[in-house]
Protein backbone atom coordinates (compact mmCIF):
# COMPACT_ATOMS: atom_id res chain seq x y z
CA MET A 1 -2.31 -13.14 14.05
CA ALA A 2 -0.21 -15.54 12.14
CA ASN A 3 -3.16 -17.02 10.63
CA GLU A 4 -4.44 -13.64 9.17
CA LYS A 5 -0.81 -13.10 7.88
CA GLU A 6 -0.75 -16.40 6.14
CA LYS A 7 -4.16 -15.81 4.57
CA MET A 8 -2.85 -12.37 3.19
CA GLU A 9 0.11 -14.14 1.73
CA GLU A 10 -1.95 -16.71 0.13
CA LEU A 11 -4.33 -14.00 -1.16
CA ARG A 12 -1.38 -12.05 -2.49
CA GLU A 13 -0.18 -14.98 -4.40
CA GLN A 14 -3.86 -15.45 -5.92
CA LEU A 15 -4.23 -11.66 -6.74
CA MET A 16 -0.64 -11.15 -8.07
CA PRO A 17 -1.71 -11.24 -11.74
CA ALA A 18 -4.08 -8.60 -11.25
CA VAL A 19 -1.53 -6.36 -9.28
CA GLN A 20 0.81 -6.99 -12.15
CA SER A 21 -1.68 -5.84 -14.69
CA LYS A 22 -2.35 -2.61 -12.61
CA TYR A 23 1.43 -2.08 -12.30
CA GLU A 24 1.83 -2.22 -16.21
CA GLU A 25 -1.02 -0.07 -16.73
CA PHE A 26 0.50 2.76 -14.51
CA ARG A 27 3.65 2.34 -16.17
CA LEU A 28 2.12 2.62 -19.56
CA LEU A 29 0.62 5.96 -18.29
CA GLY A 30 4.01 7.21 -17.60
CA TYR A 31 4.59 6.55 -14.01
CA ASP A 32 7.89 5.00 -13.97
CA HIS A 33 8.51 4.96 -10.20
CA VAL A 34 5.57 2.62 -9.45
CA THR A 35 6.37 -0.56 -7.84
CA ILE A 36 4.34 -3.65 -7.43
CA GLU A 37 4.95 -3.55 -3.49
CA GLN A 38 3.60 -0.07 -3.30
CA ILE A 39 0.40 -0.90 -5.16
CA TRP A 40 0.00 -3.90 -2.88
CA GLU A 41 0.62 -1.74 0.37
CA CYS A 42 -1.86 0.77 -1.09
CA LEU A 43 -4.62 -1.86 -1.49
CA VAL A 44 -3.87 -3.56 1.93
CA ARG A 45 -3.68 -0.38 3.95
CA LYS A 46 -6.39 1.76 1.97
CA LYS A 47 -8.86 -0.64 0.46
CA TRP A 48 -8.45 -3.77 2.68
CA LYS A 49 -7.61 -2.33 6.17
CA LYS A 50 -8.04 -5.78 7.78
CA TYR A 51 -8.50 -9.24 6.25
CA ASP A 52 -12.09 -9.98 5.73
CA ASP A 53 -13.14 -13.69 4.68
CA GLU A 54 -16.40 -12.39 3.36
CA ARG A 55 -14.79 -10.50 0.74
CA ARG A 56 -14.78 -12.39 -2.53
CA LEU A 57 -11.84 -12.86 -4.64
CA TYR A 58 -13.62 -11.33 -7.63
CA GLU A 59 -14.29 -8.17 -5.52
CA ARG A 60 -10.74 -7.95 -4.70
CA VAL A 61 -9.94 -8.15 -8.24
CA ASN A 62 -12.12 -5.36 -9.00
CA ASP A 63 -10.61 -3.32 -6.06
CA ILE A 64 -7.34 -3.83 -8.01
CA LEU A 65 -8.40 -2.95 -11.41
CA SER A 66 -10.54 -0.04 -10.39
CA LEU A 67 -7.53 1.41 -8.40
CA SER A 68 -6.80 4.90 -10.05
CA ILE A 69 -3.61 6.67 -10.26
CA GLY A 70 -5.18 9.60 -8.24
CA GLU A 71 -5.79 7.05 -5.17
CA TYR A 72 -2.30 5.51 -5.43
CA MET A 73 -0.66 8.95 -5.55
CA ALA A 74 -2.74 10.19 -2.64
CA PHE A 75 -1.76 7.09 -0.74
CA LEU A 76 2.13 7.70 -1.55
CA THR A 77 1.68 11.32 -0.40
CA ALA A 78 0.09 10.46 2.79
CA GLU A 79 2.75 7.85 3.43
CA SER A 80 5.50 10.25 2.67
CA TYR A 81 3.88 12.69 5.27
CA ARG A 82 3.56 9.87 7.78
CA GLU A 83 7.34 8.95 7.48
CA GLN A 84 8.37 12.49 7.32
CA ARG A 85 6.44 13.39 10.48
CA ALA A 86 7.86 10.23 12.37
CA THR A 87 11.49 11.30 11.22
CA LYS A 88 11.23 14.83 12.44
CA GLY A 89 9.65 13.67 15.61
CA ASP A 90 12.66 11.61 16.23
CA ASP A 91 15.13 14.61 15.42
CA LEU A 92 13.15 16.98 17.56
CA GLU A 93 13.50 14.39 20.42
CA GLU A 94 17.28 14.00 19.79
CA LEU A 95 17.49 17.77 19.84
CA LEU A 96 15.84 18.19 23.22
CA ASN A 97 17.82 15.34 24.64
CA GLU A 98 21.05 17.16 23.65
CA LEU A 99 19.89 20.37 24.94
CA LEU A 100 18.88 18.71 28.49
């Protein structure tokens, strides 16, 4: 597992210029709340669910450069719902514990 994490960190360093370019593109389009970290998370969780040695660097660069604002916003929305559901679940559990 640590080996996979190390590979992803190395990959992140290699791909950061392309991620930076995508960040700047989104900012030019008027999306001021975009972050490099969110773009990276979108790529890792949506496009590259697990590290794949077979995927070439140029294919990953293409994935980054072809990421649309729609895909990115859909990812953020899904993450927001996921976090909200997790938080509400905790609140409900606390409420039930208080009632019991």
